Amino acid sequence: LKGAVAEIAADPERGLAAIMMEPLQGEGGIIPATKEFFAAARKLADEEGALLICDEVQAGMGRTGLLWGHENLDVEPDIFTSAKALGGGVPIGAMMARGEAASVFKPGDHASTYGGNPLACAAGLAVATAICEEDLLHNVQERSKQLTAGLESLAAKYPNVLGEVRGWGLLKGVVVKGGFSAGEIVGEAMKEGLLLVPAGPTVARFVPPLIVSEAEIDEALAKFEAAVAAKVQGET
């Protein structure tokens, strides 16, 4: 990161405008950032007079157990973006800014199809109300512990197929190895009635709803084990 920033900042025709990162890489394999890395990014941005921007589209709105993913990293960005979960399925997008970054746009400067129509905003308010009044963050934290423990137990039981369990809250991934691909394991899970999605070629991603129950996590783990066992049995 330091090398890239130095290279860009030294180019008189370019310069560094911003550093934009995800608090937790989703499509990249469910890889959480570290506090040290984000602190270094904050320092570099400040030194270069650049903005630090967080993409919270996947990690935000309680998904990680805190309202925003960057709260896990003890670093405050200048701007962060939100969408998807912000509207609970209704298309909506938003950008939050502070300090000088908040003084750039004035009313009428920028239009967005989903940024402020009445339906989208009503959905966003309903989601925010549910998070605040239904203690959803506590549920995310508790179900995260349950899901993590269950996946780690399965990884210990099937060490030739499953590896590291990583992620925050209810954005979890388990590494798939032993010559199997994440797509194969996800496909087998679908046969068991469990909908997952790969995060790259080697990670099976678990992204259950924030309202998921203890019984539903147990059911998901049982179906995932059945899928792994079926794949192992099919290869022997």
C-alpha atoms as a PDB file:
ATOM      1  CA  LEU A   1       0.000   0.000   0.000  1.00  0.00           C
ATOM      2  CA  LYS A   2       2.789   2.416   0.913  1.00  0.00           C
ATOM      3  CA  GLY A   3       4.541   1.719  -2.384  1.00  0.00           C
ATOM      4  CA  ALA A   4       1.403   2.247  -4.436  1.00  0.00           C
ATOM      5  CA  VAL A   5       0.592   5.494  -2.643  1.00  0.00           C
ATOM      6  CA  ALA A   6       4.139   6.784  -3.069  1.00  0.00           C
ATOM      7  CA  GLU A   7       4.127   5.943  -6.783  1.00  0.00           C
ATOM      8  CA  ILE A   8       0.817   7.688  -7.435  1.00  0.00           C
ATOM      9  CA  ALA A   9       1.605  10.703  -5.245  1.00  0.00           C
ATOM     10  CA  ALA A  10       4.918  11.219  -7.054  1.00  0.00           C
ATOM     11  CA  ASP A  11       3.254  11.452 -10.472  1.00  0.00           C
ATOM     12  CA  PRO A  12       2.589  15.157 -11.184  1.00  0.00           C
ATOM     13  CA  GLU A  13      -0.130  14.288 -13.670  1.00  0.00           C
ATOM     14  CA  ARG A  14      -2.050  12.094 -11.257  1.00  0.00           C
ATOM     15  CA  GLY A  15      -1.739  12.620  -7.511  1.00  0.00           C
ATOM     16  CA  LEU A  16      -3.643  10.728  -4.849  1.00  0.00           C
ATOM     17  CA  ALA A  17      -7.317  11.630  -4.420  1.00  0.00           C
ATOM     18  CA  ALA A  18      -8.443   8.788  -2.161  1.00  0.00           C
ATOM     19  CA  ILE A  19      -7.817   5.315  -0.802  1.00  0.00           C
ATOM     20  CA  MET A  20     -10.942   3.152  -1.076  1.00  0.00           C
ATOM     21  CA  MET A  21     -11.182  -0.229   0.640  1.00  0.00           C
ATOM     22  CA  GLU A  22     -13.648  -2.767   2.012  1.00  0.00           C
ATOM     23  CA  PRO A  23     -13.445  -3.386   5.774  1.00  0.00           C
ATOM     24  CA  LEU A  24     -13.880  -7.050   4.900  1.00  0.00           C
ATOM     25  CA  GLN A  25     -13.311  -8.400   1.406  1.00  0.00           C
ATOM     26  CA  GLY A  26     -16.404 -10.289   0.329  1.00  0.00           C
ATOM     27  CA  GLU A  27     -15.872 -11.451  -3.242  1.00  0.00           C
ATOM     28  CA  GLY A  28     -12.140 -11.647  -2.527  1.00  0.00           C
ATOM     29  CA  GLY A  29     -12.577 -14.578  -0.137  1.00  0.00           C
ATOM     30  CA  ILE A  30     -14.070 -13.284   3.147  1.00  0.00           C
ATOM     31  CA  ILE A  31     -10.847 -11.648   4.309  1.00  0.00           C
ATOM     32  CA  PRO A  32     -11.202  -9.149   7.180  1.00  0.00           C
ATOM     33  CA  ALA A  33      -8.873  -6.180   7.197  1.00  0.00           C
ATOM     34  CA  THR A  34      -6.578  -5.680  10.171  1.00  0.00           C
ATOM     35  CA  LYS A  35      -6.531  -2.669  12.461  1.00  0.00           C
ATOM     36  CA  GLU A  36      -2.861  -2.137  11.601  1.00  0.00           C
ATOM     37  CA  PHE A  37      -3.540  -2.034   7.840  1.00  0.00           C
ATOM     38  CA  PHE A  38      -6.419   0.418   8.169  1.00  0.00           C
ATOM     39  CA  ALA A  39      -4.436   2.597  10.576  1.00  0.00           C
ATOM     40  CA  ALA A  40      -1.632   2.725   8.005  1.00  0.00           C
ATOM     41  CA  ALA A  41      -4.131   3.646   5.273  1.00  0.00           C
ATOM     42  CA  ARG A  42      -5.573   6.414   7.470  1.00  0.00           C
ATOM     43  CA  LYS A  43      -2.074   7.779   8.129  1.00  0.00           C
ATOM     44  CA  LEU A  44      -1.096   7.679   4.447  1.00  0.00           C
ATOM     45  CA  ALA A  45      -4.308   9.411   3.386  1.00  0.00           C
ATOM     46  CA  ASP A  46      -3.794  12.152   5.979  1.00  0.00           C
ATOM     47  CA  GLU A  47      -0.182  12.668   4.946  1.00  0.00           C
ATOM     48  CA  GLU A  48      -1.136  13.027   1.281  1.00  0.00           C
ATOM     49  CA  GLY A  49      -4.247  15.150   1.869  1.00  0.00           C
ATOM     50  CA  ALA A  50      -6.380  12.346   0.426  1.00  0.00           C
ATOM     51  CA  LEU A  51      -9.679  10.827   1.503  1.00  0.00           C
ATOM     52  CA  LEU A  52     -10.128   7.430   3.132  1.00  0.00           C
ATOM     53  CA  ILE A  53     -13.267   5.777   1.741  1.00  0.00           C
ATOM     54  CA  CYS A  54     -14.902   2.554   2.938  1.00  0.00           C
ATOM     55  CA  ASP A  55     -17.167   0.399   0.807  1.00  0.00           C
ATOM     56  CA  GLU A  56     -19.820  -0.757   3.309  1.00  0.00           C
ATOM     57  CA  VAL A  57     -22.246  -2.213   0.751  1.00  0.00           C
ATOM     58  CA  GLN A  58     -21.686  -5.779   1.919  1.00  0.00           C
ATOM     59  CA  ALA A  59     -20.278  -5.336   5.433  1.00  0.00           C
ATOM     60  CA  GLY A  60     -22.547  -2.515   6.619  1.00  0.00           C
ATOM     61  CA  MET A  61     -25.992  -2.365   8.237  1.00  0.00           C
ATOM     62  CA  GLY A  62     -25.178  -4.801  11.030  1.00  0.00           C
ATOM     63  CA  ARG A  63     -23.807  -7.637   8.913  1.00  0.00           C
ATOM     64  CA  THR A  64     -20.557  -7.873  10.923  1.00  0.00           C
ATOM     65  CA  GLY A  65     -22.171  -7.557  14.360  1.00  0.00           C
ATOM     66  CA  LEU A  66     -21.587  -3.811  14.495  1.00  0.00           C
ATOM     67  CA  LEU A  67     -23.611  -1.305  12.508  1.00  0.00           C
ATOM     68  CA  TRP A  68     -20.720  -0.564  10.125  1.00  0.00           C
ATOM     69  CA  GLY A  69     -17.850  -2.841   9.220  1.00  0.00           C
ATOM     70  CA  HIS A  70     -15.179  -0.182   9.752  1.00  0.00           C
ATOM     71  CA  GLU A  71     -16.175  -0.001  13.430  1.00  0.00           C
ATOM     72  CA  ASN A  72     -14.325  -3.314  13.841  1.00  0.00           C
ATOM     73  CA  LEU A  73     -11.104  -1.538  12.846  1.00  0.00           C
ATOM     74  CA  ASP A  74     -11.058   1.552  15.110  1.00  0.00           C
ATOM     75  CA  VAL A  75     -10.575   3.865  12.124  1.00  0.00           C
ATOM     76  CA  GLU A  76     -12.990   6.567  11.006  1.00  0.00           C
ATOM     77  CA  PRO A  77     -13.198   7.046   7.222  1.00  0.00           C
ATOM     78  CA  ASP A  78     -13.971  10.347   5.547  1.00  0.00           C
ATOM     79  CA  ILE A  79     -16.649   8.717   3.371  1.00  0.00           C
ATOM     80  CA  PHE A  80     -18.440   5.404   3.363  1.00  0.00           C
ATOM     81  CA  THR A  81     -21.030   3.960   1.036  1.00  0.00           C
ATOM     82  CA  SER A  82     -24.058   1.800   1.713  1.00  0.00           C
ATOM     83  CA  ALA A  83     -26.660  -0.033  -0.374  1.00  0.00           C
ATOM     84  CA  LYS A  84     -28.336  -3.471  -0.643  1.00  0.00           C
ATOM     85  CA  ALA A  85     -29.075  -4.213   3.044  1.00  0.00           C
ATOM     86  CA  LEU A  86     -29.832  -0.541   3.612  1.00  0.00           C
ATOM     87  CA  GLY A  87     -33.218  -1.098   1.966  1.00  0.00           C
ATOM     88  CA  GLY A  88     -33.789  -4.704   3.013  1.00  0.00           C
ATOM     89  CA  GLY A  89     -34.024  -5.760  -0.620  1.00  0.00           C
ATOM     90  CA  VAL A  90     -35.506  -2.563  -2.029  1.00  0.00           C
ATOM     91  CA  PRO A  91     -32.887  -0.863  -4.274  1.00  0.00           C
ATOM     92  CA  ILE A  92     -31.320   2.089  -2.496  1.00  0.00           C
ATOM     93  CA  GLY A  93     -27.869   3.632  -2.258  1.00  0.00           C
ATOM     94  CA  ALA A  94     -26.353   6.186   0.091  1.00  0.00           C
ATOM     95  CA  MET A  95     -23.067   7.925   0.771  1.00  0.00           C
ATOM     96  CA  MET A  96     -22.084   9.291   4.173  1.00  0.00           C
ATOM     97  CA  ALA A  97     -19.332  11.878   4.556  1.00  0.00           C
ATOM     98  CA  ARG A  98     -17.738  13.970   7.284  1.00  0.00           C
ATOM     99  CA  GLY A  99     -15.469  17.004   7.517  1.00  0.00           C
ATOM    100  CA  GLU A 100     -14.382  18.634   4.283  1.00  0.00           C
ATOM    101  CA  ALA A 101     -15.674  15.671   2.291  1.00  0.00           C
ATOM    102  CA  ALA A 102     -19.200  16.550   3.433  1.00  0.00           C
ATOM    103  CA  SER A 103     -19.035  20.034   1.927  1.00  0.00           C
ATOM    104  CA  VAL A 104     -18.510  19.002  -1.707  1.00  0.00           C
ATOM    105  CA  PHE A 105     -22.034  18.104  -2.826  1.00  0.00           C
ATOM    106  CA  LYS A 106     -24.797  20.682  -2.543  1.00  0.00           C
ATOM    107  CA  PRO A 107     -28.517  20.016  -3.126  1.00  0.00           C
ATOM    108  CA  GLY A 108     -29.056  19.457  -6.817  1.00  0.00           C
ATOM    109  CA  ASP A 109     -25.406  18.720  -7.634  1.00  0.00           C
ATOM    110  CA  HIS A 110     -25.868  14.987  -7.982  1.00  0.00           C
ATOM    111  CA  ALA A 111     -28.883  12.823  -8.813  1.00  0.00           C
ATOM    112  CA  SER A 112     -29.399   9.127  -8.080  1.00  0.00           C
ATOM    113  CA  THR A 113     -32.241   6.910  -9.268  1.00  0.00           C
ATOM    114  CA  TYR A 114     -32.404   5.036  -5.972  1.00  0.00           C
ATOM    115  CA  GLY A 115     -30.888   7.674  -3.709  1.00  0.00           C
ATOM    116  CA  GLY A 116     -33.996   9.329  -2.367  1.00  0.00           C
ATOM    117  CA  ASN A 117     -37.288   8.166  -3.828  1.00  0.00           C
ATOM    118  CA  PRO A 118     -40.116   7.760  -1.265  1.00  0.00           C
ATOM    119  CA  LEU A 119     -40.362   3.948  -1.506  1.00  0.00           C
ATOM    120  CA  ALA A 120     -36.623   3.415  -1.106  1.00  0.00           C
ATOM    121  CA  CYS A 121     -36.428   5.841   1.824  1.00  0.00           C
ATOM    122  CA  ALA A 122     -39.402   4.228   3.565  1.00  0.00           C
ATOM    123  CA  ALA A 123     -37.688   0.854   3.234  1.00  0.00           C
ATOM    124  CA  GLY A 124     -34.439   2.279   4.598  1.00  0.00           C
ATOM    125  CA  LEU A 125     -36.223   3.759   7.603  1.00  0.00           C
ATOM    126  CA  ALA A 126     -37.980   0.439   8.274  1.00  0.00           C
ATOM    127  CA  VAL A 127     -34.652  -1.399   8.226  1.00  0.00           C
ATOM    128  CA  ALA A 128     -33.021   1.146  10.547  1.00  0.00           C
ATOM    129  CA  THR A 129     -35.980   0.920  12.935  1.00  0.00           C
ATOM    130  CA  ALA A 130     -35.762  -2.883  13.022  1.00  0.00           C
ATOM    131  CA  ILE A 131     -32.020  -2.820  13.751  1.00  0.00           C
ATOM    132  CA  CYS A 132     -32.508  -0.325  16.592  1.00  0.00           C
ATOM    133  CA  GLU A 133     -35.710  -1.642  18.161  1.00  0.00           C
ATOM    134  CA  GLU A 134     -35.403  -5.412  17.675  1.00  0.00           C
ATOM    135  CA  ASP A 135     -31.860  -5.829  19.014  1.00  0.00           C
ATOM    136  CA  LEU A 136     -30.679  -7.338  15.740  1.00  0.00           C
ATOM    137  CA  LEU A 137     -27.002  -6.641  16.410  1.00  0.00           C
ATOM    138  CA  HIS A 138     -27.116  -8.838  19.511  1.00  0.00           C
ATOM    139  CA  ASN A 139     -28.655 -11.638  17.472  1.00  0.00           C
ATOM    140  CA  VAL A 140     -25.954 -11.269  14.828  1.00  0.00           C
ATOM    141  CA  GLN A 141     -23.242 -11.529  17.484  1.00  0.00           C
ATOM    142  CA  GLU A 142     -24.772 -14.604  19.136  1.00  0.00           C
ATOM    143  CA  ARG A 143     -25.543 -16.436  15.887  1.00  0.00           C
ATOM    144  CA  SER A 144     -22.044 -15.594  14.666  1.00  0.00           C
ATOM    145  CA  LYS A 145     -20.526 -17.405  17.652  1.00  0.00           C
ATOM    146  CA  GLN A 146     -22.788 -20.386  16.980  1.00  0.00           C
ATOM    147  CA  LEU A 147     -22.012 -20.510  13.252  1.00  0.00           C
ATOM    148  CA  THR A 148     -18.275 -20.084  13.816  1.00  0.00           C
ATOM    149  CA  ALA A 149     -18.140 -22.860  16.400  1.00  0.00           C
ATOM    150  CA  GLY A 150     -20.149 -25.158  14.140  1.00  0.00           C
ATOM    151  CA  LEU A 151     -17.994 -24.534  11.080  1.00  0.00           C
ATOM    152  CA  GLU A 152     -14.781 -24.943  13.069  1.00  0.00           C
ATOM    153  CA  SER A 153     -16.103 -28.263  14.384  1.00  0.00           C
ATOM    154  CA  LEU A 154     -16.826 -29.429  10.842  1.00  0.00           C
ATOM    155  CA  ALA A 155     -13.378 -28.285   9.691  1.00  0.00           C
ATOM    156  CA  ALA A 156     -11.841 -30.404  12.454  1.00  0.00           C
ATOM    157  CA  LYS A 157     -14.015 -33.376  11.434  1.00  0.00           C
ATOM    158  CA  TYR A 158     -13.232 -33.025   7.703  1.00  0.00           C
ATOM    159  CA  PRO A 159      -9.663 -31.633   7.712  1.00  0.00           C
ATOM    160  CA  ASN A 160      -8.967 -32.833   4.184  1.00  0.00           C
ATOM    161  CA  VAL A 161     -11.861 -30.799   2.778  1.00  0.00           C
ATOM    162  CA  LEU A 162     -12.389 -27.777   5.033  1.00  0.00           C
ATOM    163  CA  GLY A 163      -9.854 -25.312   6.379  1.00  0.00           C
ATOM    164  CA  GLU A 164      -9.828 -21.895   8.006  1.00  0.00           C
ATOM    165  CA  VAL A 165     -13.085 -20.306   9.149  1.00  0.00           C
ATOM    166  CA  ARG A 166     -12.961 -16.517   8.890  1.00  0.00           C
ATOM    167  CA  GLY A 167     -15.055 -13.373   8.765  1.00  0.00           C
ATOM    168  CA  TRP A 168     -17.099 -11.227  11.129  1.00  0.00           C
ATOM    169  CA  GLY A 169     -20.670 -11.468  12.360  1.00  0.00           C
ATOM    170  CA  LEU A 170     -22.903 -13.192   9.835  1.00  0.00           C
ATOM    171  CA  LEU A 171     -20.480 -12.730   6.962  1.00  0.00           C
ATOM    172  CA  LYS A 172     -18.511 -15.952   7.283  1.00  0.00           C
ATOM    173  CA  GLY A 173     -16.429 -18.099   4.996  1.00  0.00           C
ATOM    174  CA  VAL A 174     -14.818 -21.513   5.256  1.00  0.00           C
ATOM    175  CA  VAL A 175     -11.863 -22.464   3.073  1.00  0.00           C
ATOM    176  CA  VAL A 176     -12.415 -25.464   0.805  1.00  0.00           C
ATOM    177  CA  LYS A 177      -9.378 -27.591  -0.050  1.00  0.00           C
ATOM    178  CA  GLY A 178      -8.330 -31.135  -0.892  1.00  0.00           C
ATOM    179  CA  GLY A 179      -8.905 -30.744  -4.606  1.00  0.00           C
ATOM    180  CA  PHE A 180     -12.502 -29.620  -4.153  1.00  0.00           C
ATOM    181  CA  SER A 181     -13.742 -26.223  -5.301  1.00  0.00           C
ATOM    182  CA  ALA A 182     -16.061 -23.944  -3.374  1.00  0.00           C
ATOM    183  CA  GLY A 183     -18.504 -24.207  -6.278  1.00  0.00           C
ATOM    184  CA  GLU A 184     -18.674 -27.991  -5.917  1.00  0.00           C
ATOM    185  CA  ILE A 185     -19.410 -27.792  -2.188  1.00  0.00           C
ATOM    186  CA  VAL A 186     -21.966 -25.027  -2.708  1.00  0.00           C
ATOM    187  CA  GLY A 187     -23.655 -27.098  -5.432  1.00  0.00           C
ATOM    188  CA  GLU A 188     -23.853 -30.105  -3.115  1.00  0.00           C
ATOM    189  CA  ALA A 189     -25.298 -27.902  -0.365  1.00  0.00           C
ATOM    190  CA  MET A 190     -28.042 -26.755  -2.731  1.00  0.00           C
ATOM    191  CA  LYS A 191     -29.063 -30.409  -3.154  1.00  0.00           C
ATOM    192  CA  GLU A 192     -29.535 -30.492   0.628  1.00  0.00           C
ATOM    193  CA  GLY A 193     -31.716 -27.365   0.519  1.00  0.00           C
ATOM    194  CA  LEU A 194     -29.033 -24.965   1.755  1.00  0.00           C
ATOM    195  CA  LEU A 195     -28.318 -21.852  -0.314  1.00  0.00           C
ATOM    196  CA  LEU A 196     -24.711 -20.684  -0.131  1.00  0.00           C
ATOM    197  CA  VAL A 197     -22.482 -18.787  -2.552  1.00  0.00           C
ATOM    198  CA  PRO A 198     -18.757 -19.075  -3.299  1.00  0.00           C
ATOM    199  CA  ALA A 199     -16.432 -16.213  -2.405  1.00  0.00           C
ATOM    200  CA  GLY A 200     -13.780 -16.922  -4.992  1.00  0.00           C
ATOM    201  CA  PRO A 201     -12.755 -20.455  -6.017  1.00  0.00           C
ATOM    202  CA  THR A 202     -11.776 -21.718  -2.562  1.00  0.00           C
ATOM    203  CA  VAL A 203     -14.195 -20.235  -0.012  1.00  0.00           C
ATOM    204  CA  ALA A 204     -17.807 -21.186   0.728  1.00  0.00           C
ATOM    205  CA  ARG A 205     -19.647 -18.114   1.978  1.00  0.00           C
ATOM    206  CA  PHE A 206     -22.363 -18.042   4.636  1.00  0.00           C
ATOM    207  CA  VAL A 207     -24.487 -14.873   4.651  1.00  0.00           C
ATOM    208  CA  PRO A 208     -27.700 -15.703   6.536  1.00  0.00           C
ATOM    209  CA  PRO A 209     -30.315 -13.043   7.329  1.00  0.00           C
ATOM    210  CA  LEU A 210     -29.690 -10.980  10.436  1.00  0.00           C
ATOM    211  CA  ILE A 211     -32.883 -12.385  11.971  1.00  0.00           C
ATOM    212  CA  VAL A 212     -31.734 -16.008  11.608  1.00  0.00           C
ATOM    213  CA  SER A 213     -32.604 -18.164  14.618  1.00  0.00           C
ATOM    214  CA  GLU A 214     -30.526 -20.597  16.663  1.00  0.00           C
ATOM    215  CA  ALA A 215     -32.514 -23.527  15.254  1.00  0.00           C
ATOM    216  CA  GLU A 216     -31.971 -22.332  11.695  1.00  0.00           C
ATOM    217  CA  ILE A 217     -28.200 -22.114  12.185  1.00  0.00           C
ATOM    218  CA  ASP A 218     -28.224 -25.673  13.542  1.00  0.00           C
ATOM    219  CA  GLU A 219     -30.218 -26.787  10.500  1.00  0.00           C
ATOM    220  CA  ALA A 220     -27.837 -25.027   8.132  1.00  0.00           C
ATOM    221  CA  LEU A 221     -24.810 -26.657   9.760  1.00  0.00           C
ATOM    222  CA  ALA A 222     -26.421 -30.100   9.541  1.00  0.00           C
ATOM    223  CA  LYS A 223     -27.177 -29.606   5.850  1.00  0.00           C
ATOM    224  CA  PHE A 224     -23.684 -28.317   5.181  1.00  0.00           C
ATOM    225  CA  GLU A 225     -22.177 -31.356   6.877  1.00  0.00           C
ATOM    226  CA  ALA A 226     -24.410 -33.618   4.788  1.00  0.00           C
ATOM    227  CA  ALA A 227     -23.179 -31.851   1.662  1.00  0.00           C
ATOM    228  CA  VAL A 228     -19.511 -32.214   2.620  1.00  0.00           C
ATOM    229  CA  ALA A 229     -19.985 -35.865   3.597  1.00  0.00           C
ATOM    230  CA  ALA A 230     -21.745 -36.622   0.311  1.00  0.00           C
ATOM    231  CA  LYS A 231     -18.934 -35.010  -1.660  1.00  0.00           C
ATOM    232  CA  VAL A 232     -16.284 -36.951   0.272  1.00  0.00           C
ATOM    233  CA  GLN A 233     -18.176 -40.199  -0.129  1.00  0.00           C
ATOM    234  CA  GLY A 234     -18.570 -39.583  -3.847  1.00  0.00           C
ATOM    235  CA  GLU A 235     -14.810 -39.276  -4.230  1.00  0.00           C
ATOM    236  CA  THR A 236     -13.993 -42.534  -2.444  1.00  0.00           C
END
